[in-house]
PDB file of N, CA and C in Angstrom:
ATOM      1  N   MET A   1     -21.565  -0.586  16.160  1.00  0.00           N
ATOM      2  CA  MET A   1     -21.344  -1.105  15.113  1.00  0.00           C
ATOM      3  C   MET A   1     -22.762  -1.790  14.155  1.00  0.00           C
ATOM      4  N   THR A   2     -23.016  -2.323  13.141  1.00  0.00           N
ATOM      5  CA  THR A   2     -23.361  -2.695  11.896  1.00  0.00           C
ATOM      6  C   THR A   2     -22.856  -4.245  11.902  1.00  0.00           C
ATOM      7  N   LYS A   3     -23.972  -4.199  10.422  1.00  0.00           N
ATOM      8  CA  LYS A   3     -23.143  -5.731   9.894  1.00  0.00           C
ATOM      9  C   LYS A   3     -21.947  -6.230   8.808  1.00  0.00           C
ATOM     10  N   PHE A   4     -21.738  -4.745   8.916  1.00  0.00           N
ATOM     11  CA  PHE A   4     -20.904  -3.734   8.192  1.00  0.00           C
ATOM     12  C   PHE A   4     -19.255  -4.914   8.299  1.00  0.00           C
ATOM     13  N   ASN A   5     -18.668  -5.919   8.231  1.00  0.00           N
ATOM     14  CA  ASN A   5     -17.479  -6.137   8.123  1.00  0.00           C
ATOM     15  C   ASN A   5     -16.140  -5.335   7.548  1.00  0.00           C
ATOM     16  N   LEU A   6     -15.637  -4.450   8.520  1.00  0.00           N
ATOM     17  CA  LEU A   6     -14.614  -3.949   7.487  1.00  0.00           C
ATOM     18  C   LEU A   6     -13.140  -4.874   7.409  1.00  0.00           C
ATOM     19  N   GLU A   7     -12.553  -5.514   8.660  1.00  0.00           N
ATOM     20  CA  GLU A   7     -11.662  -6.368   9.135  1.00  0.00           C
ATOM     21  C   GLU A   7     -11.083  -6.402   7.794  1.00  0.00           C
ATOM     22  N   GLN A   8     -12.095  -7.364   6.152  1.00  0.00           N
ATOM     23  CA  GLN A   8     -10.824  -7.858   5.639  1.00  0.00           C
ATOM     24  C   GLN A   8     -10.815  -6.280   4.698  1.00  0.00           C
ATOM     25  N   LEU A   9     -10.726  -5.202   4.555  1.00  0.00           N
ATOM     26  CA  LEU A   9      -9.733  -4.172   4.440  1.00  0.00           C
ATOM     27  C   LEU A   9      -8.803  -4.153   4.885  1.00  0.00           C
ATOM     28  N   SER A  10      -8.587  -4.908   6.457  1.00  0.00           N
ATOM     29  CA  SER A  10      -6.718  -4.487   7.030  1.00  0.00           C
ATOM     30  C   SER A  10      -5.982  -5.241   5.714  1.00  0.00           C
ATOM     31  N   ASP A  11      -6.695  -6.369   4.627  1.00  0.00           N
ATOM     32  CA  ASP A  11      -6.575  -7.060   4.060  1.00  0.00           C
ATOM     33  C   ASP A  11      -5.319  -5.960   2.865  1.00  0.00           C
ATOM     34  N   ILE A  12      -4.863  -4.661   2.770  1.00  0.00           N
ATOM     35  CA  ILE A  12      -5.317  -3.785   1.431  1.00  0.00           C
ATOM     36  C   ILE A  12      -3.391  -3.054   2.736  1.00  0.00           C
ATOM     37  N   ALA A  13      -1.662  -3.357   1.716  1.00  0.00           N
ATOM     38  CA  ALA A  13      -0.523  -3.389   1.807  1.00  0.00           C
ATOM     39  C   ALA A  13      -0.783  -1.508   2.085  1.00  0.00           C
ATOM     40  N   GLY A  14      -0.403  -1.513   4.115  1.00  0.00           N
ATOM     41  CA  GLY A  14      -0.595  -0.146   4.909  1.00  0.00           C
ATOM     42  C   GLY A  14      -1.741  -0.014   5.457  1.00  0.00           C
ATOM     43  N   PHE A  15      -2.336  -0.701   5.150  1.00  0.00           N
ATOM     44  CA  PHE A  15      -4.010  -0.402   5.961  1.00  0.00           C
ATOM     45  C   PHE A  15      -3.694   0.439   6.978  1.00  0.00           C
ATOM     46  N   VAL A  16      -4.203   1.113   7.616  1.00  0.00           N
ATOM     47  CA  VAL A  16      -4.477   1.859   9.035  1.00  0.00           C
ATOM     48  C   VAL A  16      -5.872   2.048  10.162  1.00  0.00           C
ATOM     49  N   GLY A  17      -5.808   2.660   9.355  1.00  0.00           N
ATOM     50  CA  GLY A  17      -7.670   2.431   9.325  1.00  0.00           C
ATOM     51  C   GLY A  17      -9.123   2.351   8.596  1.00  0.00           C
ATOM     52  N   ALA A  18      -9.994   2.479   8.806  1.00  0.00           N
ATOM     53  CA  ALA A  18     -11.569   2.510   8.111  1.00  0.00           C
ATOM     54  C   ALA A  18     -12.464   2.242   8.806  1.00  0.00           C
ATOM     55  N   ALA A  19     -13.266   3.174   7.841  1.00  0.00           N
ATOM     56  CA  ALA A  19     -15.047   3.211   8.402  1.00  0.00           C
ATOM     57  C   ALA A  19     -16.498   3.386   7.112  1.00  0.00           C
ATOM     58  N   LEU A  20     -16.659   3.487   7.621  1.00  0.00           N
ATOM     59  CA  LEU A  20     -18.271   3.628   7.034  1.00  0.00           C
ATOM     60  C   LEU A  20     -18.766   4.773   6.521  1.00  0.00           C
ATOM     61  N   VAL A  21     -19.128   5.018   6.208  1.00  0.00           N
ATOM     62  CA  VAL A  21     -19.549   6.322   7.510  1.00  0.00           C
ATOM     63  C   VAL A  21     -21.290   6.440   6.120  1.00  0.00           C
ATOM     64  N   ASP A  22     -22.560   7.258   6.851  1.00  0.00           N
ATOM     65  CA  ASP A  22     -23.486   7.902   6.453  1.00  0.00           C
ATOM     66  C   ASP A  22     -23.434   9.927   5.933  1.00  0.00           C
ATOM     67  N   THR A  23     -23.767   9.940   5.008  1.00  0.00           N
ATOM     68  CA  THR A  23     -22.894  11.041   4.757  1.00  0.00           C
ATOM     69  C   THR A  23     -24.499  12.066   4.972  1.00  0.00           C
ATOM     70  N   ASP A  24     -25.215  11.265   5.563  1.00  0.00           N
ATOM     71  CA  ASP A  24     -26.432  12.752   5.943  1.00  0.00           C
ATOM     72  C   ASP A  24     -25.173  13.290   7.454  1.00  0.00           C
ATOM     73  N   SER A  25     -25.297  12.054   8.509  1.00  0.00           N
ATOM     74  CA  SER A  25     -25.929  12.191   9.799  1.00  0.00           C
ATOM     75  C   SER A  25     -23.620  12.623  10.074  1.00  0.00           C
ATOM     76  N   GLY A  26     -22.967  12.131   9.396  1.00  0.00           N
ATOM     77  CA  GLY A  26     -21.353  11.903   9.584  1.00  0.00           C
ATOM     78  C   GLY A  26     -20.809  10.795  10.390  1.00  0.00           C
ATOM     79  N   MET A  27     -22.184  10.532  11.067  1.00  0.00           N
ATOM     80  CA  MET A  27     -22.297   9.437  11.413  1.00  0.00           C
ATOM     81  C   MET A  27     -21.280   7.551  10.999  1.00  0.00           C
ATOM     82  N   ALA A  28     -19.592   7.429  11.850  1.00  0.00           N
ATOM     83  CA  ALA A  28     -18.922   5.774  11.207  1.00  0.00           C
ATOM     84  C   ALA A  28     -20.493   4.638  11.367  1.00  0.00           C
ATOM     85  N   LEU A  29     -20.272   3.782  10.780  1.00  0.00           N
ATOM     86  CA  LEU A  29     -21.529   2.825  10.868  1.00  0.00           C
ATOM     87  C   LEU A  29     -20.739   1.305  10.567  1.00  0.00           C
ATOM     88  N   ALA A  30     -20.460   1.756  10.912  1.00  0.00           N
ATOM     89  CA  ALA A  30     -18.388   0.721  11.309  1.00  0.00           C
ATOM     90  C   ALA A  30     -17.359   1.356  11.131  1.00  0.00           C
ATOM     91  N   THR A  31     -16.221   0.147  11.649  1.00  0.00           N
ATOM     92  CA  THR A  31     -14.971   0.951  11.926  1.00  0.00           C
ATOM     93  C   THR A  31     -14.353  -0.520  12.265  1.00  0.00           C
ATOM     94  N   ALA A  32     -12.936  -0.869  11.240  1.00  0.00           N
ATOM     95  CA  ALA A  32     -12.222  -1.451  11.816  1.00  0.00           C
ATOM     96  C   ALA A  32     -10.540  -0.695  11.667  1.00  0.00           C
ATOM     97  N   GLY A  33      -9.308  -0.729  12.985  1.00  0.00           N
ATOM     98  CA  GLY A  33      -7.944  -0.459  12.976  1.00  0.00           C
ATOM     99  C   GLY A  33      -8.065   1.440  13.403  1.00  0.00           C
ATOM    100  N   GLY A  34      -7.093   2.210  12.741  1.00  0.00           N
ATOM    101  CA  GLY A  34      -7.491   3.097  13.684  1.00  0.00           C
ATOM    102  C   GLY A  34      -6.506   3.082  14.167  1.00  0.00           C
ATOM    103  N   GLY A  35      -4.858   3.390  14.658  1.00  0.00           N
ATOM    104  CA  GLY A  35      -4.834   3.716  15.017  1.00  0.00           C
ATOM    105  C   GLY A  35      -4.813   3.896  16.145  1.00  0.00           C
ATOM    106  N   SER A  36      -3.622   5.122  15.944  1.00  0.00           N
ATOM    107  CA  SER A  36      -3.843   6.795  16.048  1.00  0.00           C
ATOM    108  C   SER A  36      -4.911   7.922  15.624  1.00  0.00           C
ATOM    109  N   VAL A  37      -5.038   7.216  14.791  1.00  0.00           N
ATOM    110  CA  VAL A  37      -5.958   8.511  13.610  1.00  0.00           C
ATOM    111  C   VAL A  37      -7.945   7.984  14.787  1.00  0.00           C
ATOM    112  N   ASP A  38      -8.053   9.025  14.432  1.00  0.00           N
ATOM    113  CA  ASP A  38      -9.830   8.458  15.336  1.00  0.00           C
ATOM    114  C   ASP A  38     -10.979   8.191  14.898  1.00  0.00           C
ATOM    115  N   LEU A  39     -10.949   7.474  14.322  1.00  0.00           N
ATOM    116  CA  LEU A  39     -12.115   7.569  13.224  1.00  0.00           C
ATOM    117  C   LEU A  39     -13.325   8.203  13.355  1.00  0.00           C
ATOM    118  N   GLU A  40     -14.094   8.055  14.293  1.00  0.00           N
ATOM    119  CA  GLU A  40     -14.734   8.544  15.056  1.00  0.00           C
ATOM    120  C   GLU A  40     -15.242  10.326  14.638  1.00  0.00           C
ATOM    121  N   VAL A  41     -14.137  11.317  14.992  1.00  0.00           N
ATOM    122  CA  VAL A  41     -13.871  12.206  14.069  1.00  0.00           C
ATOM    123  C   VAL A  41     -12.965  12.509  12.923  1.00  0.00           C
ATOM    124  N   ALA A  42     -12.909  11.457  13.056  1.00  0.00           N
ATOM    125  CA  ALA A  42     -12.218  12.021  10.782  1.00  0.00           C
ATOM    126  C   ALA A  42     -13.681  11.239   9.630  1.00  0.00           C
ATOM    127  N   ALA A  43     -14.788  10.239  10.808  1.00  0.00           N
ATOM    128  CA  ALA A  43     -15.730  10.537   9.673  1.00  0.00           C
ATOM    129  C   ALA A  43     -16.101  10.817  10.154  1.00  0.00           C
ATOM    130  N   ALA A  44     -16.521  11.532  10.953  1.00  0.00           N
ATOM    131  CA  ALA A  44     -17.391  13.122  10.215  1.00  0.00           C
ATOM    132  C   ALA A  44     -16.019  14.525  10.082  1.00  0.00           C
ATOM    133  N   GLY A  45     -15.598  14.398  10.072  1.00  0.00           N
ATOM    134  CA  GLY A  45     -15.457  15.632   9.470  1.00  0.00           C
ATOM    135  C   GLY A  45     -14.963  15.285   7.806  1.00  0.00           C
ATOM    136  N   ASN A  46     -15.201  14.932   7.334  1.00  0.00           N
ATOM    137  CA  ASN A  46     -14.423  13.838   6.477  1.00  0.00           C
ATOM    138  C   ASN A  46     -15.339  13.572   5.296  1.00  0.00           C
ATOM    139  N   THR A  47     -16.985  13.943   5.766  1.00  0.00           N
ATOM    140  CA  THR A  47     -18.016  13.441   5.308  1.00  0.00           C
ATOM    141  C   THR A  47     -18.186  15.611   4.734  1.00  0.00           C
ATOM    142  N   GLU A  48     -17.772  16.347   6.043  1.00  0.00           N
ATOM    143  CA  GLU A  48     -17.491  17.643   5.139  1.00  0.00           C
ATOM    144  C   GLU A  48     -16.934  17.634   4.466  1.00  0.00           C
ATOM    145  N   VAL A  49     -15.817  17.190   3.314  1.00  0.00           N
ATOM    146  CA  VAL A  49     -15.366  17.023   2.334  1.00  0.00           C
ATOM    147  C   VAL A  49     -16.110  16.191   1.587  1.00  0.00           C
ATOM    148  N   MET A  50     -16.782  15.273   1.985  1.00  0.00           N
ATOM    149  CA  MET A  50     -17.744  14.790   0.771  1.00  0.00           C
ATOM    150  C   MET A  50     -18.935  15.450   0.543  1.00  0.00           C
ATOM    151  N   ARG A  51     -19.315  15.781   1.763  1.00  0.00           N
ATOM    152  CA  ARG A  51     -20.378  17.349   0.666  1.00  0.00           C
ATOM    153  C   ARG A  51     -20.082  18.117   0.385  1.00  0.00           C
ATOM    154  N   ALA A  52     -19.438  18.949   0.836  1.00  0.00           N
ATOM    155  CA  ALA A  52     -18.292  20.502  -0.702  1.00  0.00           C
ATOM    156  C   ALA A  52     -17.965  19.785  -1.746  1.00  0.00           C
ATOM    157  N   LYS A  53     -17.665  18.472  -1.816  1.00  0.00           N
ATOM    158  CA  LYS A  53     -16.945  18.211  -3.226  1.00  0.00           C
ATOM    159  C   LYS A  53     -18.033  18.104  -4.624  1.00  0.00           C
ATOM    160  N   ARG A  54     -19.392  17.539  -3.144  1.00  0.00           N
ATOM    161  CA  ARG A  54     -21.108  17.258  -4.326  1.00  0.00           C
ATOM    162  C   ARG A  54     -21.602  18.694  -4.678  1.00  0.00           C
ATOM    163  N   ARG A  55     -20.634  19.005  -3.518  1.00  0.00           N
ATOM    164  CA  ARG A  55     -21.575  20.692  -3.375  1.00  0.00           C
ATOM    165  C   ARG A  55     -21.329  21.605  -4.882  1.00  0.00           C
ATOM    166  N   VAL A  56     -19.852  21.259  -4.773  1.00  0.00           N
ATOM    167  CA  VAL A  56     -18.906  21.824  -6.034  1.00  0.00           C
ATOM    168  C   VAL A  56     -19.641  21.010  -6.926  1.00  0.00           C
ATOM    169  N   ALA A  57     -19.354  19.715  -7.222  1.00  0.00           N
ATOM    170  CA  ALA A  57     -20.069  19.037  -9.204  1.00  0.00           C
ATOM    171  C   ALA A  57     -20.932  19.256  -9.356  1.00  0.00           C
ATOM    172  N   SER A  58     -22.099  19.420  -8.132  1.00  0.00           N
ATOM    173  CA  SER A  58     -22.889  20.671  -8.536  1.00  0.00           C
ATOM    174  C   SER A  58     -23.549  21.735  -9.056  1.00  0.00           C
ATOM    175  N   GLN A  59     -22.828  23.070  -8.029  1.00  0.00           N
ATOM    176  CA  GLN A  59     -23.565  23.300  -9.160  1.00  0.00           C
ATOM    177  C   GLN A  59     -22.005  24.127 -10.462  1.00  0.00           C
ATOM    178  N   LEU A  60     -20.992  23.714 -10.365  1.00  0.00           N
ATOM    179  CA  LEU A  60     -19.851  22.973 -11.654  1.00  0.00           C
ATOM    180  C   LEU A  60     -20.936  22.203 -12.774  1.00  0.00           C
ATOM    181  N   ASN A  61     -22.571  21.465 -12.327  1.00  0.00           N
ATOM    182  CA  ASN A  61     -22.858  20.783 -13.655  1.00  0.00           C
ATOM    183  C   ASN A  61     -22.768  19.736 -14.560  1.00  0.00           C
ATOM    184  N   LEU A  62     -21.122  19.590 -13.729  1.00  0.00           N
ATOM    185  CA  LEU A  62     -20.966  18.475 -14.236  1.00  0.00           C
ATOM    186  C   LEU A  62     -21.548  17.451 -14.016  1.00  0.00           C
ATOM    187  N   ASP A  63     -21.460  16.067 -15.061  1.00  0.00           N
ATOM    188  CA  ASP A  63     -22.422  15.812 -15.855  1.00  0.00           C
ATOM    189  C   ASP A  63     -21.997  14.030 -15.491  1.00  0.00           C
ATOM    190  N   ASP A  64     -21.358  13.390 -14.126  1.00  0.00           N
ATOM    191  CA  ASP A  64     -19.945  12.396 -13.363  1.00  0.00           C
ATOM    192  C   ASP A  64     -20.754  12.296 -12.662  1.00  0.00           C
ATOM    193  N   THR A  65     -19.617  11.566 -11.336  1.00  0.00           N
ATOM    194  CA  THR A  65     -20.110  11.079 -10.042  1.00  0.00           C
ATOM    195  C   THR A  65     -18.565  11.024  -9.535  1.00  0.00           C
ATOM    196  N   ILE A  66     -18.822  11.426  -8.189  1.00  0.00           N
ATOM    197  CA  ILE A  66     -16.924  11.214  -7.649  1.00  0.00           C
ATOM    198  C   ILE A  66     -16.654   8.976  -7.610  1.00  0.00           C
ATOM    199  N   GLU A  67     -15.732   9.087  -8.252  1.00  0.00           N
ATOM    200  CA  GLU A  67     -15.193   7.562  -7.387  1.00  0.00           C
ATOM    201  C   GLU A  67     -14.550   7.402  -6.414  1.00  0.00           C
ATOM    202  N   ASP A  68     -13.500   8.523  -5.987  1.00  0.00           N
ATOM    203  CA  ASP A  68     -12.845   8.365  -4.978  1.00  0.00           C
ATOM    204  C   ASP A  68     -12.680  10.413  -4.571  1.00  0.00           C
ATOM    205  N   ILE A  69     -12.339  10.144  -3.896  1.00  0.00           N
ATOM    206  CA  ILE A  69     -11.126  12.069  -3.494  1.00  0.00           C
ATOM    207  C   ILE A  69     -10.259  11.620  -2.925  1.00  0.00           C
ATOM    208  N   LEU A  70      -9.008  11.455  -3.338  1.00  0.00           N
ATOM    209  CA  LEU A  70      -7.018  11.576  -2.019  1.00  0.00           C
ATOM    210  C   LEU A  70      -6.949  12.995  -1.477  1.00  0.00           C
ATOM    211  N   ILE A  71      -7.223  12.657  -0.521  1.00  0.00           N
ATOM    212  CA  ILE A  71      -6.831  13.386   0.650  1.00  0.00           C
ATOM    213  C   ILE A  71      -4.647  12.658   0.369  1.00  0.00           C
ATOM    214  N   THR A  72      -3.320  13.120   0.090  1.00  0.00           N
ATOM    215  CA  THR A  72      -2.634  12.664  -0.354  1.00  0.00           C
ATOM    216  C   THR A  72      -1.432  13.759   1.456  1.00  0.00           C
ATOM    217  N   LEU A  73      -1.365  13.141   2.872  1.00  0.00           N
ATOM    218  CA  LEU A  73      -0.344  13.691   3.401  1.00  0.00           C
ATOM    219  C   LEU A  73       0.868  13.598   3.678  1.00  0.00           C
ATOM    220  N   GLY A  74       1.674  13.966   3.910  1.00  0.00           N
ATOM    221  CA  GLY A  74       3.175  13.286   3.767  1.00  0.00           C
ATOM    222  C   GLY A  74       2.881  11.697   4.659  1.00  0.00           C
ATOM    223  N   LYS A  75       2.621  10.848   5.364  1.00  0.00           N
ATOM    224  CA  LYS A  75       2.814  10.203   6.044  1.00  0.00           C
ATOM    225  C   LYS A  75       2.183   8.761   5.637  1.00  0.00           C
ATOM    226  N   GLN A  76       0.724   9.596   4.844  1.00  0.00           N
ATOM    227  CA  GLN A  76      -0.487   8.729   5.357  1.00  0.00           C
ATOM    228  C   GLN A  76      -1.510   9.373   3.726  1.00  0.00           C
ATOM    229  N   TYR A  77      -2.006   8.279   4.092  1.00  0.00           N
ATOM    230  CA  TYR A  77      -3.424   8.920   2.579  1.00  0.00           C
ATOM    231  C   TYR A  77      -4.792   7.872   2.767  1.00  0.00           C
ATOM    232  N   HIS A  78      -6.078   9.026   3.069  1.00  0.00           N
ATOM    233  CA  HIS A  78      -6.819   9.094   3.089  1.00  0.00           C
ATOM    234  C   HIS A  78      -7.526   9.497   2.173  1.00  0.00           C
ATOM    235  N   LEU A  79      -8.339   7.674   1.954  1.00  0.00           N
ATOM    236  CA  LEU A  79      -8.978   7.987   0.795  1.00  0.00           C
ATOM    237  C   LEU A  79     -10.936   7.773   1.812  1.00  0.00           C
ATOM    238  N   LEU A  80     -11.033   8.577   0.581  1.00  0.00           N
ATOM    239  CA  LEU A  80     -12.982   8.867   0.874  1.00  0.00           C
ATOM    240  C   LEU A  80     -13.779   7.729  -0.614  1.00  0.00           C
ATOM    241  N   ARG A  81     -14.386   6.767  -0.707  1.00  0.00           N
ATOM    242  CA  ARG A  81     -15.043   6.510  -1.653  1.00  0.00           C
ATOM    243  C   ARG A  81     -16.441   6.464  -1.626  1.00  0.00           C
ATOM    244  N   PRO A  82     -16.856   6.950  -2.025  1.00  0.00           N
ATOM    245  CA  PRO A  82     -18.751   7.324  -2.316  1.00  0.00           C
ATOM    246  C   PRO A  82     -19.059   5.777  -2.538  1.00  0.00           C
ATOM    247  N   LEU A  83     -19.763   5.220  -2.286  1.00  0.00           N
ATOM    248  CA  LEU A  83     -20.571   3.734  -2.735  1.00  0.00           C
ATOM    249  C   LEU A  83     -21.146   4.112  -4.044  1.00  0.00           C
ATOM    250  N   GLN A  84     -21.458   3.214  -4.467  1.00  0.00           N
ATOM    251  CA  GLN A  84     -21.952   3.217  -5.701  1.00  0.00           C
ATOM    252  C   GLN A  84     -22.939   2.500  -6.027  1.00  0.00           C
ATOM    253  N   SER A  85     -23.753   1.533  -4.433  1.00  0.00           N
ATOM    254  CA  SER A  85     -24.402   0.369  -4.112  1.00  0.00           C
ATOM    255  C   SER A  85     -25.736   1.685  -3.489  1.00  0.00           C
ATOM    256  N   ASN A  86     -24.588   2.549  -3.175  1.00  0.00           N
ATOM    257  CA  ASN A  86     -25.692   3.621  -1.737  1.00  0.00           C
ATOM    258  C   ASN A  86     -24.826   4.745  -1.877  1.00  0.00           C
ATOM    259  N   GLU A  87     -25.639   5.960  -2.243  1.00  0.00           N
ATOM    260  CA  GLU A  87     -24.698   7.112  -2.733  1.00  0.00           C
ATOM    261  C   GLU A  87     -24.771   7.849  -1.029  1.00  0.00           C
ATOM    262  N   GLN A  88     -25.500   7.609  -0.589  1.00  0.00           N
ATOM    263  CA  GLN A  88     -25.901   8.136   0.836  1.00  0.00           C
ATOM    264  C   GLN A  88     -24.991   7.966   2.458  1.00  0.00           C
ATOM    265  N   LEU A  89     -23.639   6.482   1.513  1.00  0.00           N
ATOM    266  CA  LEU A  89     -22.548   6.061   2.056  1.00  0.00           C
ATOM    267  C   LEU A  89     -20.796   6.671   1.455  1.00  0.00           C
ATOM    268  N   PHE A  90     -20.383   5.727   2.160  1.00  0.00           N
ATOM    269  CA  PHE A  90     -19.151   6.080   1.999  1.00  0.00           C
ATOM    270  C   PHE A  90     -18.269   5.552   2.470  1.00  0.00           C
ATOM    271  N   LEU A  91     -16.698   4.817   1.976  1.00  0.00           N
ATOM    272  CA  LEU A  91     -15.608   4.955   2.039  1.00  0.00           C
ATOM    273  C   LEU A  91     -14.617   5.259   3.133  1.00  0.00           C
ATOM    274  N   TYR A  92     -14.814   5.073   4.603  1.00  0.00           N
ATOM    275  CA  TYR A  92     -12.915   6.580   4.511  1.00  0.00           C
ATOM    276  C   TYR A  92     -11.902   5.454   4.814  1.00  0.00           C
ATOM    277  N   VAL A  93     -10.583   5.597   4.164  1.00  0.00           N
ATOM    278  CA  VAL A  93      -9.987   4.547   3.912  1.00  0.00           C
ATOM    279  C   VAL A  93      -8.858   5.384   5.110  1.00  0.00           C
ATOM    280  N   VAL A  94      -7.447   4.601   5.805  1.00  0.00           N
ATOM    281  CA  VAL A  94      -6.443   5.925   6.482  1.00  0.00           C
ATOM    282  C   VAL A  94      -5.269   4.248   5.697  1.00  0.00           C
ATOM    283  N   LEU A  95      -4.577   4.613   4.751  1.00  0.00           N
ATOM    284  CA  LEU A  95      -3.688   3.594   4.804  1.00  0.00           C
ATOM    285  C   LEU A  95      -1.917   4.808   4.583  1.00  0.00           C
ATOM    286  N   ASP A  96      -1.025   3.611   4.906  1.00  0.00           N
ATOM    287  CA  ASP A  96       1.008   4.329   5.349  1.00  0.00           C
ATOM    288  C   ASP A  96       0.494   4.681   4.135  1.00  0.00           C
ATOM    289  N   ARG A  97       1.141   5.130   3.452  1.00  0.00           N
ATOM    290  CA  ARG A  97       1.977   5.907   2.686  1.00  0.00           C
ATOM    291  C   ARG A  97       3.445   4.613   2.032  1.00  0.00           C
ATOM    292  N   ALA A  98       3.731   5.812   2.984  1.00  0.00           N
ATOM    293  CA  ALA A  98       5.104   4.421   2.783  1.00  0.00           C
ATOM    294  C   ALA A  98       5.352   2.874   2.663  1.00  0.00           C
ATOM    295  N   LYS A  99       3.999   2.388   2.610  1.00  0.00           N
ATOM    296  CA  LYS A  99       3.871   0.398   2.713  1.00  0.00           C
ATOM    297  C   LYS A  99       2.458   0.869   1.643  1.00  0.00           C
ATOM    298  N   SER A 100       1.658   1.472   1.670  1.00  0.00           N
ATOM    299  CA  SER A 100       1.014   0.764   1.033  1.00  0.00           C
ATOM    300  C   SER A 100       1.397   1.326  -1.315  1.00  0.00           C
ATOM    301  N   ASN A 101      -0.196   0.750  -1.465  1.00  0.00           N
ATOM    302  CA  ASN A 101       0.755   1.019  -3.516  1.00  0.00           C
ATOM    303  C   ASN A 101      -1.233   1.733  -3.231  1.00  0.00           C
ATOM    304  N   LEU A 102      -0.773   3.179  -4.107  1.00  0.00           N
ATOM    305  CA  LEU A 102      -2.665   3.283  -3.887  1.00  0.00           C
ATOM    306  C   LEU A 102      -3.622   2.556  -4.985  1.00  0.00           C
ATOM    307  N   ALA A 103      -2.354   2.206  -6.503  1.00  0.00           N
ATOM    308  CA  ALA A 103      -3.829   2.194  -6.984  1.00  0.00           C
ATOM    309  C   ALA A 103      -3.740   0.329  -7.032  1.00  0.00           C
ATOM    310  N   MET A 104      -3.665  -0.396  -6.012  1.00  0.00           N
ATOM    311  CA  MET A 104      -3.999  -1.523  -5.875  1.00  0.00           C
ATOM    312  C   MET A 104      -5.567  -1.284  -4.154  1.00  0.00           C
ATOM    313  N   ALA A 105      -4.821  -0.415  -3.678  1.00  0.00           N
ATOM    314  CA  ALA A 105      -5.580  -0.265  -2.452  1.00  0.00           C
ATOM    315  C   ALA A 105      -6.838   0.382  -3.339  1.00  0.00           C
ATOM    316  N   ARG A 106      -6.923   0.984  -4.369  1.00  0.00           N
ATOM    317  CA  ARG A 106      -8.408   2.176  -5.331  1.00  0.00           C
ATOM    318  C   ARG A 106      -8.704   0.747  -5.562  1.00  0.00           C
ATOM    319  N   HIS A 107      -8.292  -0.337  -6.381  1.00  0.00           N
ATOM    320  CA  HIS A 107      -8.867  -1.473  -7.048  1.00  0.00           C
ATOM    321  C   HIS A 107      -9.409  -2.546  -5.960  1.00  0.00           C
ATOM    322  N   GLU A 108      -8.791  -3.063  -4.728  1.00  0.00           N
ATOM    323  CA  GLU A 108      -9.027  -3.563  -3.708  1.00  0.00           C
ATOM    324  C   GLU A 108     -10.542  -3.081  -3.091  1.00  0.00           C
ATOM    325  N   LEU A 109     -10.839  -1.568  -2.738  1.00  0.00           N
ATOM    326  CA  LEU A 109     -11.764  -0.639  -2.275  1.00  0.00           C
ATOM    327  C   LEU A 109     -12.698  -0.915  -3.344  1.00  0.00           C
ATOM    328  N   LYS A 110     -12.456  -0.878  -4.792  1.00  0.00           N
ATOM    329  CA  LYS A 110     -13.888  -1.520  -5.457  1.00  0.00           C
ATOM    330  C   LYS A 110     -14.696  -2.020  -4.841  1.00  0.00           C
ATOM    331  N   ALA A 111     -13.313  -3.259  -5.520  1.00  0.00           N
ATOM    332  CA  ALA A 111     -13.381  -4.694  -5.202  1.00  0.00           C
ATOM    333  C   ALA A 111     -14.569  -5.097  -3.793  1.00  0.00           C
ATOM    334  N   TYR A 112     -13.730  -4.582  -2.934  1.00  0.00           N
ATOM    335  CA  TYR A 112     -15.109  -4.462  -1.692  1.00  0.00           C
ATOM    336  C   TYR A 112     -16.496  -3.973  -1.246  1.00  0.00           C
ATOM    337  N   GLU A 113     -16.649  -3.264  -1.299  1.00  0.00           N
ATOM    338  CA  GLU A 113     -18.316  -2.326  -2.648  1.00  0.00           C
ATOM    339  C   GLU A 113     -18.609  -3.665  -2.526  1.00  0.00           C
ATOM    340  N   SER A 114     -18.161  -4.339  -3.897  1.00  0.00           N
ATOM    341  CA  SER A 114     -18.934  -4.690  -4.176  1.00  0.00           C
ATOM    342  C   SER A 114     -19.394  -6.219  -3.560  1.00  0.00           C
ATOM    343  N   SER A 115     -18.686  -6.635  -2.145  1.00  0.00           N
ATOM    344  CA  SER A 115     -19.391  -7.396  -1.742  1.00  0.00           C
ATOM    345  C   SER A 115     -20.294  -7.610  -0.508  1.00  0.00           C
ATOM    346  N   LEU A 116     -20.766  -5.440  -0.339  1.00  0.00           N
ATOM    347  CA  LEU A 116     -21.437  -5.734   0.385  1.00  0.00           C
ATOM    348  C   LEU A 116     -22.737  -5.737  -0.275  1.00  0.00           C
ATOM    349  N   ASP A 117     -23.693  -6.186   1.691  1.00  0.00           N
ATOM    350  CA  ASP A 117     -24.338  -6.556   1.073  1.00  0.00           C
ATOM    351  C   ASP A 117     -25.164  -5.665   1.505  1.00  0.00           C
ATOM    352  N   PHE A 118     -26.379  -4.549   1.981  1.00  0.00           N
ATOM    353  CA  PHE A 118     -27.531  -4.185   2.131  1.00  0.00           C
ATOM    354  C   PHE A 118     -28.364  -4.331   2.056  1.00  0.00           C
ATOM    355  N   SER A 119     -29.160  -5.357   2.830  1.00  0.00           N
ATOM    356  CA  SER A 119     -30.675  -6.241   2.528  1.00  0.00           C
ATOM    357  C   SER A 119     -30.784  -7.027   4.083  1.00  0.00           C
TER     358      SER A 119
END
């Protein structure tokens, strides 16, 4: 796992795990936490979700970009956030639904993205 440090995302309320994912390969470039969630498997699977949504948006000729994709489970939130600074990558974050604040988590992910250095 590379120069990307996802550990600071563990400060998000309800944090379970996170991965920085390459959309082309489905590989996790960096991970943090995870618990019972296999972040490598989740990265690959959620790459398909991201590709499908982008394909549908293109077919609908939407003149817009995806800010994030939310998957709500009974006990967890799964957030997929394409990076504005590098469209080939997205952040995948798992939150404990009972302990998290979804609005704050989305805000913190946006702030985290601005701290990433791709040089």
